[in-house]
Structures are given as C-alpha cells and as structure tokens.
Amino acid sequence: MENKYLTLGIVLIAIGIALYMIAAIQLSDYESVVGMLGRALSPEVQQQYETLKACQVFGILSGVGGLLLSVVGIASSRKE
C-alpha cells in the first residue's frame, strides 16, 4: 500500500511540473508589453491569460500534494 502512495506522489509531482512549465512558457507572451496591451483590449485574450495562471497554480498545488504523498509513502515504508 505504501508504494502506491509513493508512486502516486511521483506522478503528481511530474504532472505539476509539466503544468507549471507549459503555463510559464505560454505566459511569457501574455506578460510582454504587447501581451498586456492585447489583454487590455480583448476579453478573450484576458480569459486565456487567467486560464494559464490557474494552470500554473494547479501545477504548484499538484507538485506540493505529490511531494506530501511521496513523503508519506517513504515514511510508511521505513516503518516496516
């Protein structure tokens, strides 16, 4: 059972890193001067920016949750 926690934790860390990095790469376009102007003039562009920011936050939360599950999996396996 403990290995399941460790495995799930590692998978969540990988998903979190992937989400964060994908969002960070795309957010650089929206945070430039031209991107800020586009966000000010277009609600669709602003919505895309907010979606990417949410993906970045979910990536961080997924990584933290994965780290906690990994620690629980490691600690449980050492008890045995």
Protein backbone atom coordinates (compact mmCIF):
# COMPACT_ATOMS: atom_id res chain seq x y z
CA MET A 1 0.00 0.00 0.00
CA GLU A 2 2.86 2.38 0.80
CA ASN A 3 4.34 2.02 -2.66
CA LYS A 4 1.05 3.25 -4.07
CA TYR A 5 1.44 6.50 -2.13
CA LEU A 6 4.98 6.94 -3.35
CA THR A 7 4.04 6.16 -6.95
CA LEU A 8 1.03 8.48 -6.88
CA GLY A 9 3.17 11.20 -5.33
CA ILE A 10 5.79 10.93 -8.05
CA VAL A 11 3.11 11.03 -10.75
CA LEU A 12 1.54 14.13 -9.18
CA ILE A 13 4.93 15.83 -9.00
CA ALA A 14 5.52 15.10 -12.70
CA ILE A 15 2.06 16.42 -13.64
CA GLY A 16 2.59 19.51 -11.51
CA ILE A 17 5.95 20.28 -13.10
CA ALA A 18 4.52 19.77 -16.59
CA LEU A 19 1.51 22.03 -15.94
CA TYR A 20 3.65 24.73 -14.39
CA MET A 21 6.24 24.72 -17.17
CA ILE A 22 3.72 24.69 -20.01
CA ALA A 23 1.83 27.59 -18.45
CA ALA A 24 5.03 29.52 -17.69
CA ILE A 25 6.26 29.24 -21.27
CA GLN A 26 2.96 30.49 -22.68
CA LEU A 27 2.52 33.20 -20.05
CA SER A 28 5.69 34.95 -21.14
CA ASP A 29 3.88 36.06 -24.31
CA TYR A 30 0.98 37.49 -22.33
CA GLU A 31 3.22 39.34 -19.88
CA SER A 32 5.15 41.29 -22.51
CA VAL A 33 4.19 44.87 -23.41
CA VAL A 34 2.29 43.70 -26.49
CA GLY A 35 0.62 40.95 -24.46
CA MET A 36 -0.51 43.44 -21.80
CA LEU A 37 -1.98 45.65 -24.48
CA GLY A 38 -3.76 42.65 -26.00
CA ARG A 39 -5.16 41.68 -22.59
CA ALA A 40 -6.43 45.23 -22.06
CA LEU A 41 -8.18 45.32 -25.42
CA SER A 42 -9.52 41.76 -25.76
CA PRO A 43 -11.56 39.89 -23.16
CA GLU A 44 -10.74 36.60 -24.90
CA VAL A 45 -7.01 37.18 -24.50
CA GLN A 46 -7.55 38.13 -20.86
CA GLN A 47 -9.52 34.91 -20.33
CA GLN A 48 -6.69 32.85 -21.87
CA TYR A 49 -4.21 34.60 -19.58
CA GLU A 50 -6.31 33.85 -16.50
CA THR A 51 -6.67 30.21 -17.56
CA LEU A 52 -2.90 29.88 -17.89
CA LYS A 53 -2.40 31.48 -14.48
CA ALA A 54 -4.87 28.96 -13.00
CA CYS A 55 -2.97 26.10 -14.66
CA GLN A 56 0.23 27.42 -13.12
CA VAL A 57 -1.36 27.47 -9.65
CA PHE A 58 -2.80 23.97 -10.12
CA GLY A 59 0.66 22.81 -11.17
CA ILE A 60 2.16 24.16 -7.95
CA LEU A 61 -0.60 22.60 -5.84
CA SER A 62 -0.21 19.27 -7.63
CA GLY A 63 3.53 19.32 -7.03
CA VAL A 64 3.10 20.07 -3.33
CA GLY A 65 0.47 17.36 -2.97
CA GLY A 66 2.72 14.91 -4.78
CA LEU A 67 5.62 15.81 -2.52
CA LEU A 68 3.49 15.20 0.58
CA LEU A 69 2.26 11.85 -0.74
CA SER A 70 5.82 10.83 -1.57
CA VAL A 71 6.97 11.67 1.95
CA VAL A 72 4.09 9.65 3.39
CA GLY A 73 4.98 6.72 1.13
CA ILE A 74 8.65 6.85 2.13
CA ALA A 75 7.85 7.21 5.84
CA SER A 76 5.39 4.31 5.72
CA SER A 77 7.87 2.02 4.01
CA ARG A 78 10.53 2.74 6.66
CA LYS A 79 8.20 1.71 9.48
CA GLU A 80 8.08 -1.85 8.21
